[in-house]
Amino acid sequence: MIRAVLFSFALIASPAFAQEDHADEHHEEHEDHDEHGHEDGEHDEHVAQANGVRAIHAWANATDASGALVYVDIENTSDALVTLTGAETDIAASAEIVGLENTGGELTFTAIPALPIPAGADMVFAPNGLAIALSGLTAPLAEGEHFDLELEFESFHLDLEVEIESATATQHSHAGHNH
């Protein structure tokens, strides 16, 4: 337990995961229009937001295994620290926040019971970093499909759509463009 807490605090301090410098830039870019021309308030399946927190480009790899990993970029554009405490989906028996480590070609998980995200920071969930680990999948994940996932924060929930990429994808197919 102590190891997981220390791991989560180390991630916050790591510039690879918590990137405070451009959170305001992302927010300003999207105040009027995003790259797809959506006005604020219009639906964009790549972005979910609530209480100053945005989840962008949620994705998972296609698989017929019983487990999968979900990746997403979370931006805390609010003025307050928010804490991600878990996740939930109808397509899996359980979902938990994990830190990933590739040691000698073997991927290991460390459960993170709560992940604080400072005001103005971005938290990147990506292969060999952070993820939402799903276990007990009720059906295979097929490329091109999507499913709903709920991120649980201490004081609110954020519903998002997770796109299923190819089994070998290393990033979301829309990564690199802004919302």
N, C-alpha and C. Protein backbone atom coordinates (compact mmCIF):
# COMPACT_ATOMS: atom_id res chain seq x y z
N MET A 1 0.82 -1.19 0.00
CA MET A 1 0.00 0.00 0.00
C MET A 1 0.87 1.26 0.00
N ILE A 2 1.88 1.27 0.86
CA ILE A 2 2.77 2.43 0.92
C ILE A 2 3.47 2.61 -0.41
N ARG A 3 3.87 1.49 -1.03
CA ARG A 3 4.54 1.56 -2.33
C ARG A 3 3.65 2.22 -3.38
N ALA A 4 2.36 1.87 -3.40
CA ALA A 4 1.43 2.45 -4.37
C ALA A 4 1.25 3.94 -4.13
N VAL A 5 1.16 4.36 -2.87
CA VAL A 5 1.00 5.78 -2.57
C VAL A 5 2.25 6.55 -2.98
N LEU A 6 3.42 6.00 -2.64
CA LEU A 6 4.67 6.66 -3.03
C LEU A 6 4.79 6.73 -4.55
N PHE A 7 4.37 5.67 -5.24
CA PHE A 7 4.41 5.65 -6.71
C PHE A 7 3.53 6.75 -7.28
N SER A 8 2.33 6.92 -6.72
CA SER A 8 1.42 7.95 -7.25
C SER A 8 1.98 9.34 -7.03
N PHE A 9 2.61 9.59 -5.87
CA PHE A 9 3.21 10.91 -5.64
C PHE A 9 4.41 11.13 -6.54
N ALA A 10 5.18 10.09 -6.81
CA ALA A 10 6.31 10.22 -7.73
C ALA A 10 5.83 10.57 -9.13
N LEU A 11 4.69 10.02 -9.54
CA LEU A 11 4.15 10.32 -10.86
C LEU A 11 3.74 11.78 -10.98
N ILE A 12 3.19 12.32 -9.90
CA ILE A 12 2.78 13.72 -9.93
C ILE A 12 3.98 14.62 -10.14
N ALA A 13 5.09 14.29 -9.52
CA ALA A 13 6.30 15.10 -9.63
C ALA A 13 7.00 14.89 -10.96
N SER A 14 6.68 13.82 -11.66
CA SER A 14 7.35 13.50 -12.91
C SER A 14 6.81 14.33 -14.06
N PRO A 15 7.68 15.05 -14.80
CA PRO A 15 7.19 15.87 -15.91
C PRO A 15 6.59 15.05 -17.04
N ALA A 16 6.89 13.76 -17.11
CA ALA A 16 6.31 12.93 -18.17
C ALA A 16 4.82 12.72 -17.97
N PHE A 17 4.34 12.83 -16.72
CA PHE A 17 2.93 12.57 -16.45
C PHE A 17 2.17 13.82 -16.05
N ALA A 18 2.74 14.65 -15.22
CA ALA A 18 2.05 15.88 -14.80
C ALA A 18 2.71 17.04 -15.51
N GLN A 19 1.99 17.63 -16.44
CA GLN A 19 2.54 18.68 -17.28
C GLN A 19 1.73 19.94 -17.05
N GLU A 20 2.18 20.77 -16.09
CA GLU A 20 1.40 21.94 -15.70
C GLU A 20 1.49 23.07 -16.71
N ASP A 21 2.54 23.15 -17.49
CA ASP A 21 2.79 24.31 -18.34
C ASP A 21 1.74 24.57 -19.40
N HIS A 22 1.12 23.53 -19.96
CA HIS A 22 0.24 23.79 -21.09
C HIS A 22 -1.22 23.54 -20.82
N ALA A 23 -1.61 23.29 -19.61
CA ALA A 23 -3.03 23.08 -19.33
C ALA A 23 -3.85 24.31 -19.68
N ASP A 24 -3.34 25.51 -19.34
CA ASP A 24 -4.06 26.73 -19.68
C ASP A 24 -4.13 26.93 -21.18
N GLU A 25 -3.05 26.57 -21.90
CA GLU A 25 -3.04 26.70 -23.36
C GLU A 25 -4.13 25.84 -23.96
N HIS A 26 -4.26 24.57 -23.48
CA HIS A 26 -5.30 23.68 -23.99
C HIS A 26 -6.66 24.29 -23.74
N HIS A 27 -6.88 24.81 -22.54
CA HIS A 27 -8.18 25.39 -22.21
C HIS A 27 -8.50 26.57 -23.11
N GLU A 28 -7.51 27.45 -23.36
CA GLU A 28 -7.75 28.61 -24.21
C GLU A 28 -8.02 28.20 -25.65
N GLU A 29 -7.32 27.17 -26.14
CA GLU A 29 -7.53 26.71 -27.51
C GLU A 29 -8.96 26.28 -27.74
N HIS A 30 -9.61 25.80 -26.68
CA HIS A 30 -10.92 25.19 -26.84
C HIS A 30 -12.06 26.06 -26.38
N GLU A 31 -11.79 27.28 -25.98
CA GLU A 31 -12.86 28.13 -25.48
C GLU A 31 -13.89 28.43 -26.55
N ASP A 32 -13.48 28.63 -27.80
CA ASP A 32 -14.43 28.96 -28.85
C ASP A 32 -14.73 27.76 -29.75
N HIS A 33 -13.69 27.12 -30.28
CA HIS A 33 -13.87 25.99 -31.20
C HIS A 33 -12.77 24.98 -30.96
N ASP A 34 -13.07 23.71 -31.25
CA ASP A 34 -11.99 22.73 -31.27
C ASP A 34 -11.61 22.48 -32.72
N GLU A 35 -10.67 21.57 -32.95
CA GLU A 35 -10.17 21.33 -34.30
C GLU A 35 -11.28 20.88 -35.26
N HIS A 36 -12.31 20.25 -34.72
CA HIS A 36 -13.40 19.76 -35.56
C HIS A 36 -14.48 20.81 -35.77
N GLY A 37 -14.28 22.03 -35.23
CA GLY A 37 -15.24 23.10 -35.44
C GLY A 37 -16.41 23.10 -34.48
N HIS A 38 -16.32 22.28 -33.42
CA HIS A 38 -17.41 22.24 -32.45
C HIS A 38 -17.40 23.51 -31.60
N GLU A 39 -18.56 24.09 -31.41
CA GLU A 39 -18.71 25.20 -30.47
C GLU A 39 -18.67 24.62 -29.06
N ASP A 40 -18.28 25.44 -28.07
CA ASP A 40 -18.35 24.99 -26.69
C ASP A 40 -19.76 24.50 -26.42
N GLY A 41 -19.87 23.38 -25.70
CA GLY A 41 -21.17 22.83 -25.37
C GLY A 41 -21.65 21.78 -26.37
N GLU A 42 -21.08 21.74 -27.58
CA GLU A 42 -21.47 20.72 -28.53
C GLU A 42 -20.80 19.41 -28.16
N HIS A 43 -21.40 18.30 -28.53
CA HIS A 43 -20.87 16.98 -28.21
C HIS A 43 -19.63 16.68 -29.06
N ASP A 44 -18.62 16.19 -28.42
CA ASP A 44 -17.42 15.70 -29.09
C ASP A 44 -17.04 14.41 -28.39
N GLU A 45 -17.15 13.28 -29.08
CA GLU A 45 -16.92 11.99 -28.45
C GLU A 45 -15.49 11.79 -27.96
N HIS A 46 -14.57 12.65 -28.34
CA HIS A 46 -13.18 12.54 -27.89
C HIS A 46 -12.93 13.28 -26.59
N VAL A 47 -13.87 14.10 -26.14
CA VAL A 47 -13.68 14.93 -24.96
C VAL A 47 -14.86 14.77 -24.01
N ALA A 48 -14.56 14.53 -22.75
CA ALA A 48 -15.57 14.54 -21.70
C ALA A 48 -15.10 15.53 -20.65
N GLN A 49 -16.01 16.34 -20.11
CA GLN A 49 -15.58 17.31 -19.12
C GLN A 49 -16.64 17.55 -18.06
N ALA A 50 -16.13 17.84 -16.86
CA ALA A 50 -17.00 18.18 -15.72
C ALA A 50 -16.12 18.83 -14.66
N ASN A 51 -16.64 19.84 -13.99
CA ASN A 51 -15.98 20.48 -12.85
C ASN A 51 -14.54 20.91 -13.15
N GLY A 52 -14.27 21.38 -14.37
CA GLY A 52 -12.94 21.84 -14.71
C GLY A 52 -11.96 20.73 -15.06
N VAL A 53 -12.44 19.51 -15.20
CA VAL A 53 -11.59 18.37 -15.57
C VAL A 53 -12.03 17.87 -16.94
N ARG A 54 -11.04 17.67 -17.82
CA ARG A 54 -11.31 17.15 -19.17
C ARG A 54 -10.59 15.82 -19.36
N ALA A 55 -11.29 14.86 -19.94
CA ALA A 55 -10.69 13.58 -20.33
C ALA A 55 -10.71 13.55 -21.85
N ILE A 56 -9.54 13.35 -22.45
CA ILE A 56 -9.40 13.45 -23.90
C ILE A 56 -8.81 12.16 -24.46
N HIS A 57 -9.35 11.72 -25.59
CA HIS A 57 -8.82 10.60 -26.36
C HIS A 57 -8.67 9.31 -25.55
N ALA A 58 -9.73 8.86 -24.93
CA ALA A 58 -9.69 7.59 -24.22
C ALA A 58 -9.66 6.46 -25.24
N TRP A 59 -8.77 5.49 -25.02
CA TRP A 59 -8.65 4.37 -25.96
C TRP A 59 -8.15 3.12 -25.25
N ALA A 60 -8.38 1.99 -25.90
CA ALA A 60 -7.90 0.69 -25.45
C ALA A 60 -7.54 -0.12 -26.68
N ASN A 61 -6.71 -1.11 -26.51
CA ASN A 61 -6.36 -2.01 -27.61
C ASN A 61 -7.43 -3.08 -27.78
N ALA A 62 -7.66 -3.49 -29.02
CA ALA A 62 -8.54 -4.61 -29.30
C ALA A 62 -7.94 -5.86 -28.64
N THR A 63 -8.82 -6.70 -28.08
CA THR A 63 -8.34 -7.91 -27.43
C THR A 63 -9.48 -8.91 -27.28
N ASP A 64 -9.12 -10.20 -27.23
CA ASP A 64 -10.11 -11.21 -26.87
C ASP A 64 -9.74 -11.83 -25.52
N ALA A 65 -8.81 -11.20 -24.82
CA ALA A 65 -8.41 -11.66 -23.48
C ALA A 65 -9.47 -11.22 -22.46
N SER A 66 -9.27 -11.61 -21.22
CA SER A 66 -10.24 -11.26 -20.18
C SER A 66 -9.94 -9.90 -19.54
N GLY A 67 -8.82 -9.29 -19.92
CA GLY A 67 -8.46 -8.00 -19.37
C GLY A 67 -7.99 -7.04 -20.45
N ALA A 68 -8.02 -5.76 -20.14
CA ALA A 68 -7.57 -4.73 -21.09
C ALA A 68 -7.10 -3.52 -20.29
N LEU A 69 -6.34 -2.66 -20.97
CA LEU A 69 -5.87 -1.42 -20.37
C LEU A 69 -6.47 -0.24 -21.13
N VAL A 70 -6.93 0.76 -20.39
CA VAL A 70 -7.50 1.97 -20.98
C VAL A 70 -6.53 3.11 -20.73
N TYR A 71 -6.32 3.91 -21.77
CA TYR A 71 -5.43 5.06 -21.70
C TYR A 71 -6.23 6.32 -22.00
N VAL A 72 -5.87 7.43 -21.37
CA VAL A 72 -6.60 8.69 -21.55
C VAL A 72 -5.72 9.82 -21.06
N ASP A 73 -5.91 11.00 -21.59
CA ASP A 73 -5.26 12.20 -21.08
C ASP A 73 -6.28 12.93 -20.21
N ILE A 74 -5.90 13.26 -18.99
CA ILE A 74 -6.78 13.98 -18.08
C ILE A 74 -6.16 15.34 -17.81
N GLU A 75 -6.93 16.40 -18.07
CA GLU A 75 -6.48 17.77 -17.82
C GLU A 75 -7.30 18.34 -16.67
N ASN A 76 -6.61 18.84 -15.66
CA ASN A 76 -7.29 19.52 -14.57
C ASN A 76 -7.14 21.02 -14.82
N THR A 77 -8.13 21.62 -15.45
CA THR A 77 -8.08 23.05 -15.76
C THR A 77 -8.68 23.88 -14.64
N SER A 78 -9.09 23.20 -13.55
CA SER A 78 -9.67 23.92 -12.42
C SER A 78 -8.57 24.56 -11.57
N ASP A 79 -8.98 25.29 -10.56
CA ASP A 79 -8.05 25.93 -9.63
C ASP A 79 -7.81 25.07 -8.39
N ALA A 80 -8.31 23.84 -8.39
CA ALA A 80 -8.20 22.99 -7.21
C ALA A 80 -7.62 21.62 -7.56
N LEU A 81 -6.98 21.01 -6.59
CA LEU A 81 -6.52 19.64 -6.73
C LEU A 81 -7.75 18.74 -6.83
N VAL A 82 -7.72 17.79 -7.75
CA VAL A 82 -8.77 16.77 -7.83
C VAL A 82 -8.10 15.42 -7.67
N THR A 83 -8.85 14.46 -7.16
CA THR A 83 -8.28 13.13 -6.92
C THR A 83 -9.11 12.09 -7.64
N LEU A 84 -8.47 11.37 -8.56
CA LEU A 84 -9.09 10.25 -9.26
C LEU A 84 -9.04 9.05 -8.32
N THR A 85 -10.20 8.47 -8.02
CA THR A 85 -10.26 7.37 -7.06
C THR A 85 -10.59 6.03 -7.68
N GLY A 86 -11.01 6.01 -8.94
CA GLY A 86 -11.34 4.74 -9.57
C GLY A 86 -12.05 4.92 -10.88
N ALA A 87 -12.57 3.81 -11.38
CA ALA A 87 -13.30 3.81 -12.65
C ALA A 87 -14.29 2.65 -12.62
N GLU A 88 -15.25 2.72 -13.54
CA GLU A 88 -16.28 1.68 -13.62
C GLU A 88 -16.79 1.60 -15.04
N THR A 89 -17.09 0.39 -15.47
CA THR A 89 -17.69 0.16 -16.80
C THR A 89 -18.56 -1.08 -16.75
N ASP A 90 -19.57 -1.10 -17.60
CA ASP A 90 -20.47 -2.26 -17.67
C ASP A 90 -19.83 -3.46 -18.36
N ILE A 91 -18.72 -3.26 -19.07
CA ILE A 91 -18.13 -4.35 -19.85
C ILE A 91 -17.07 -5.15 -19.09
N ALA A 92 -16.82 -4.80 -17.82
CA ALA A 92 -15.80 -5.51 -17.05
C ALA A 92 -16.27 -5.69 -15.61
N ALA A 93 -15.77 -6.74 -14.98
CA ALA A 93 -16.11 -6.99 -13.58
C ALA A 93 -15.47 -5.96 -12.67
N SER A 94 -14.28 -5.47 -13.04
CA SER A 94 -13.63 -4.46 -12.21
C SER A 94 -12.74 -3.55 -13.06
N ALA A 95 -12.47 -2.38 -12.50
CA ALA A 95 -11.58 -1.41 -13.15
C ALA A 95 -10.79 -0.73 -12.04
N GLU A 96 -9.47 -0.61 -12.23
CA GLU A 96 -8.66 0.06 -11.22
C GLU A 96 -7.54 0.85 -11.88
N ILE A 97 -7.12 1.91 -11.19
CA ILE A 97 -6.00 2.73 -11.65
C ILE A 97 -4.72 1.96 -11.35
N VAL A 98 -3.83 1.88 -12.35
CA VAL A 98 -2.57 1.17 -12.15
C VAL A 98 -1.40 1.95 -12.74
N GLY A 99 -0.25 1.73 -12.15
CA GLY A 99 1.01 2.17 -12.73
C GLY A 99 1.62 0.96 -13.41
N LEU A 100 2.12 1.15 -14.62
CA LEU A 100 2.67 0.04 -15.40
C LEU A 100 4.18 0.12 -15.43
N GLU A 101 4.82 -1.05 -15.41
CA GLU A 101 6.26 -1.10 -15.53
C GLU A 101 6.64 -2.30 -16.39
N ASN A 102 7.46 -2.05 -17.38
CA ASN A 102 7.94 -3.10 -18.26
C ASN A 102 9.34 -3.50 -17.79
N THR A 103 9.43 -4.66 -17.17
CA THR A 103 10.70 -5.15 -16.65
C THR A 103 11.08 -6.41 -17.39
N GLY A 104 12.14 -6.32 -18.18
CA GLY A 104 12.60 -7.49 -18.93
C GLY A 104 11.56 -8.04 -19.88
N GLY A 105 10.75 -7.17 -20.46
CA GLY A 105 9.72 -7.60 -21.41
C GLY A 105 8.43 -8.06 -20.76
N GLU A 106 8.37 -8.05 -19.43
CA GLU A 106 7.16 -8.45 -18.72
C GLU A 106 6.50 -7.22 -18.11
N LEU A 107 5.21 -7.03 -18.39
CA LEU A 107 4.45 -5.90 -17.89
C LEU A 107 3.89 -6.22 -16.51
N THR A 108 4.22 -5.39 -15.53
CA THR A 108 3.68 -5.56 -14.19
C THR A 108 2.85 -4.34 -13.82
N PHE A 109 1.87 -4.53 -12.95
CA PHE A 109 0.96 -3.47 -12.52
C PHE A 109 1.18 -3.18 -11.05
N THR A 110 1.06 -1.93 -10.68
CA THR A 110 0.98 -1.53 -9.28
C THR A 110 -0.31 -0.76 -9.12
N ALA A 111 -1.20 -1.27 -8.28
CA ALA A 111 -2.48 -0.59 -8.05
C ALA A 111 -2.25 0.75 -7.38
N ILE A 112 -3.00 1.76 -7.82
CA ILE A 112 -2.95 3.10 -7.24
C ILE A 112 -4.36 3.41 -6.74
N PRO A 113 -4.56 3.39 -5.43
CA PRO A 113 -5.91 3.57 -4.89
C PRO A 113 -6.49 4.97 -5.11
N ALA A 114 -5.64 5.98 -5.18
CA ALA A 114 -6.10 7.35 -5.41
C ALA A 114 -4.97 8.11 -6.09
N LEU A 115 -5.33 8.90 -7.10
CA LEU A 115 -4.32 9.62 -7.87
C LEU A 115 -4.64 11.11 -7.85
N PRO A 116 -3.92 11.89 -7.03
CA PRO A 116 -4.15 13.34 -7.00
C PRO A 116 -3.64 13.99 -8.28
N ILE A 117 -4.43 14.93 -8.82
CA ILE A 117 -4.04 15.67 -10.02
C ILE A 117 -4.08 17.15 -9.65
N PRO A 118 -2.92 17.79 -9.57
CA PRO A 118 -2.87 19.20 -9.15
C PRO A 118 -3.62 20.12 -10.10
N ALA A 119 -4.05 21.27 -9.58
CA ALA A 119 -4.69 22.30 -10.40
C ALA A 119 -3.77 22.69 -11.54
N GLY A 120 -4.32 22.77 -12.75
CA GLY A 120 -3.55 23.18 -13.92
C GLY A 120 -2.66 22.10 -14.50
N ALA A 121 -2.73 20.88 -14.00
CA ALA A 121 -1.84 19.80 -14.47
C ALA A 121 -2.56 18.86 -15.44
N ASP A 122 -1.78 18.19 -16.25
CA ASP A 122 -2.25 17.12 -17.14
C ASP A 122 -1.70 15.81 -16.60
N MET A 123 -2.51 14.76 -16.65
CA MET A 123 -2.06 13.42 -16.26
C MET A 123 -2.25 12.54 -17.49
N VAL A 124 -1.16 11.97 -17.98
CA VAL A 124 -1.19 11.18 -19.20
C VAL A 124 -1.20 9.70 -18.84
N PHE A 125 -2.25 9.02 -19.23
CA PHE A 125 -2.34 7.57 -19.09
C PHE A 125 -1.93 6.99 -20.44
N ALA A 126 -0.81 6.28 -20.48
CA ALA A 126 -0.25 5.78 -21.74
C ALA A 126 0.49 4.47 -21.49
N PRO A 127 0.72 3.69 -22.56
CA PRO A 127 1.47 2.43 -22.39
C PRO A 127 2.79 2.67 -21.65
N ASN A 128 3.12 1.76 -20.75
CA ASN A 128 4.33 1.80 -19.92
C ASN A 128 4.32 2.97 -18.95
N GLY A 129 3.13 3.47 -18.60
CA GLY A 129 2.99 4.57 -17.63
C GLY A 129 1.83 4.29 -16.71
N LEU A 130 0.76 5.03 -16.89
CA LEU A 130 -0.47 4.85 -16.12
C LEU A 130 -1.55 4.25 -17.01
N ALA A 131 -2.52 3.57 -16.40
CA ALA A 131 -3.65 3.02 -17.15
C ALA A 131 -4.79 2.73 -16.19
N ILE A 132 -5.96 2.48 -16.78
CA ILE A 132 -7.09 1.91 -16.05
C ILE A 132 -7.12 0.44 -16.47
N ALA A 133 -6.87 -0.45 -15.53
CA ALA A 133 -6.86 -1.89 -15.83
C ALA A 133 -8.27 -2.44 -15.67
N LEU A 134 -8.78 -3.03 -16.74
CA LEU A 134 -10.09 -3.68 -16.72
C LEU A 134 -9.86 -5.19 -16.59
N SER A 135 -10.60 -5.84 -15.74
CA SER A 135 -10.51 -7.30 -15.65
C SER A 135 -11.92 -7.88 -15.66
N GLY A 136 -12.00 -9.13 -16.12
CA GLY A 136 -13.29 -9.79 -16.23
C GLY A 136 -14.15 -9.20 -17.33
N LEU A 137 -13.52 -8.95 -18.51
CA LEU A 137 -14.29 -8.42 -19.65
C LEU A 137 -15.43 -9.36 -20.00
N THR A 138 -16.59 -8.80 -20.33
CA THR A 138 -17.77 -9.60 -20.66
C THR A 138 -17.79 -10.02 -22.13
N ALA A 139 -16.95 -9.39 -22.97
CA ALA A 139 -16.89 -9.70 -24.40
C ALA A 139 -15.55 -9.20 -24.94
N PRO A 140 -15.13 -9.72 -26.08
CA PRO A 140 -13.89 -9.21 -26.70
C PRO A 140 -14.03 -7.73 -27.06
N LEU A 141 -12.92 -7.02 -27.10
CA LEU A 141 -12.90 -5.63 -27.57
C LEU A 141 -12.49 -5.64 -29.04
N ALA A 142 -13.38 -5.19 -29.91
CA ALA A 142 -13.15 -5.23 -31.35
C ALA A 142 -12.75 -3.85 -31.87
N GLU A 143 -11.72 -3.83 -32.68
CA GLU A 143 -11.23 -2.58 -33.28
C GLU A 143 -12.37 -1.84 -33.97
N GLY A 144 -12.41 -0.52 -33.75
CA GLY A 144 -13.42 0.32 -34.37
C GLY A 144 -14.67 0.51 -33.53
N GLU A 145 -14.83 -0.31 -32.49
CA GLU A 145 -15.98 -0.15 -31.61
C GLU A 145 -15.60 0.76 -30.44
N HIS A 146 -16.52 0.97 -29.54
CA HIS A 146 -16.26 1.81 -28.36
C HIS A 146 -17.12 1.32 -27.20
N PHE A 147 -16.78 1.78 -26.00
CA PHE A 147 -17.57 1.47 -24.81
C PHE A 147 -17.50 2.65 -23.85
N ASP A 148 -18.44 2.67 -22.90
CA ASP A 148 -18.52 3.74 -21.92
C ASP A 148 -17.72 3.39 -20.68
N LEU A 149 -17.09 4.41 -20.12
CA LEU A 149 -16.31 4.27 -18.89
C LEU A 149 -16.60 5.47 -18.02
N GLU A 150 -16.72 5.25 -16.74
CA GLU A 150 -16.95 6.34 -15.79
C GLU A 150 -15.72 6.49 -14.92
N LEU A 151 -15.10 7.68 -14.96
CA LEU A 151 -13.99 7.98 -14.06
C LEU A 151 -14.58 8.52 -12.77
N GLU A 152 -14.12 8.02 -11.65
CA GLU A 152 -14.64 8.41 -10.35
C GLU A 152 -13.63 9.32 -9.65
N PHE A 153 -14.04 10.55 -9.40
CA PHE A 153 -13.24 11.50 -8.64
C PHE A 153 -13.86 11.62 -7.25
N GLU A 154 -13.16 12.20 -6.30
CA GLU A 154 -13.68 12.30 -4.94
C GLU A 154 -15.06 12.96 -4.87
N SER A 155 -15.29 14.01 -5.65
CA SER A 155 -16.55 14.74 -5.51
C SER A 155 -17.43 14.74 -6.75
N PHE A 156 -17.04 14.03 -7.79
CA PHE A 156 -17.86 13.96 -9.00
C PHE A 156 -17.42 12.77 -9.85
N HIS A 157 -18.22 12.47 -10.87
CA HIS A 157 -17.90 11.41 -11.82
C HIS A 157 -17.84 12.03 -13.21
N LEU A 158 -17.07 11.40 -14.10
CA LEU A 158 -16.91 11.89 -15.46
C LEU A 158 -17.14 10.71 -16.41
N ASP A 159 -18.19 10.80 -17.23
CA ASP A 159 -18.51 9.74 -18.19
C ASP A 159 -17.81 10.00 -19.50
N LEU A 160 -17.14 8.98 -20.05
CA LEU A 160 -16.46 9.14 -21.32
C LEU A 160 -16.62 7.91 -22.19
N GLU A 161 -16.32 8.11 -23.45
CA GLU A 161 -16.39 7.04 -24.44
C GLU A 161 -14.97 6.61 -24.77
N VAL A 162 -14.71 5.30 -24.69
CA VAL A 162 -13.39 4.73 -24.97
C VAL A 162 -13.42 4.09 -26.35
N GLU A 163 -12.53 4.54 -27.23
CA GLU A 163 -12.44 3.97 -28.57
C GLU A 163 -11.50 2.77 -28.55
N ILE A 164 -11.83 1.75 -29.32
CA ILE A 164 -10.99 0.56 -29.38
C ILE A 164 -10.14 0.63 -30.64
N GLU A 165 -8.83 0.69 -30.42
CA GLU A 165 -7.84 0.76 -31.49
C GLU A 165 -7.37 -0.65 -31.83
N SER A 166 -6.47 -0.78 -32.79
CA SER A 166 -5.94 -2.09 -33.18
C SER A 166 -5.22 -2.73 -31.99
N ALA A 167 -5.05 -4.02 -32.05
CA ALA A 167 -4.37 -4.75 -30.97
C ALA A 167 -2.93 -4.30 -30.80
N THR A 168 -2.33 -3.72 -31.83
CA THR A 168 -0.93 -3.32 -31.76
C THR A 168 -0.73 -1.81 -31.64
N ALA A 169 -1.80 -1.05 -31.52
CA ALA A 169 -1.69 0.41 -31.42
C ALA A 169 -0.90 0.81 -30.17
N THR A 170 -0.15 1.88 -30.30
CA THR A 170 0.61 2.42 -29.16
C THR A 170 0.11 3.80 -28.76
N GLN A 171 -0.89 4.31 -29.49
CA GLN A 171 -1.51 5.58 -29.14
C GLN A 171 -2.87 5.66 -29.82
N HIS A 172 -3.68 6.60 -29.38
CA HIS A 172 -5.00 6.84 -29.97
C HIS A 172 -4.80 7.29 -31.41
N SER A 173 -5.66 6.86 -32.29
CA SER A 173 -5.50 7.20 -33.72
C SER A 173 -5.62 8.68 -33.98
N HIS A 174 -6.23 9.44 -33.06
CA HIS A 174 -6.34 10.89 -33.23
C HIS A 174 -5.31 11.64 -32.42
N ALA A 175 -4.39 10.94 -31.79
CA ALA A 175 -3.38 11.62 -30.96
C ALA A 175 -2.61 12.61 -31.78
N GLY A 176 -2.27 13.73 -31.18
CA GLY A 176 -1.51 14.75 -31.88
C GLY A 176 -2.34 15.90 -32.36
N HIS A 177 -3.67 15.76 -32.41
CA HIS A 177 -4.48 16.93 -32.74
C HIS A 177 -5.18 17.40 -31.48
N ASN A 178 -5.49 18.65 -31.47
CA ASN A 178 -6.04 19.28 -30.27
C ASN A 178 -7.55 19.28 -30.25
N HIS A 179 -8.09 19.34 -29.04
CA HIS A 179 -9.53 19.50 -28.83
C HIS A 179 -9.74 20.72 -28.00
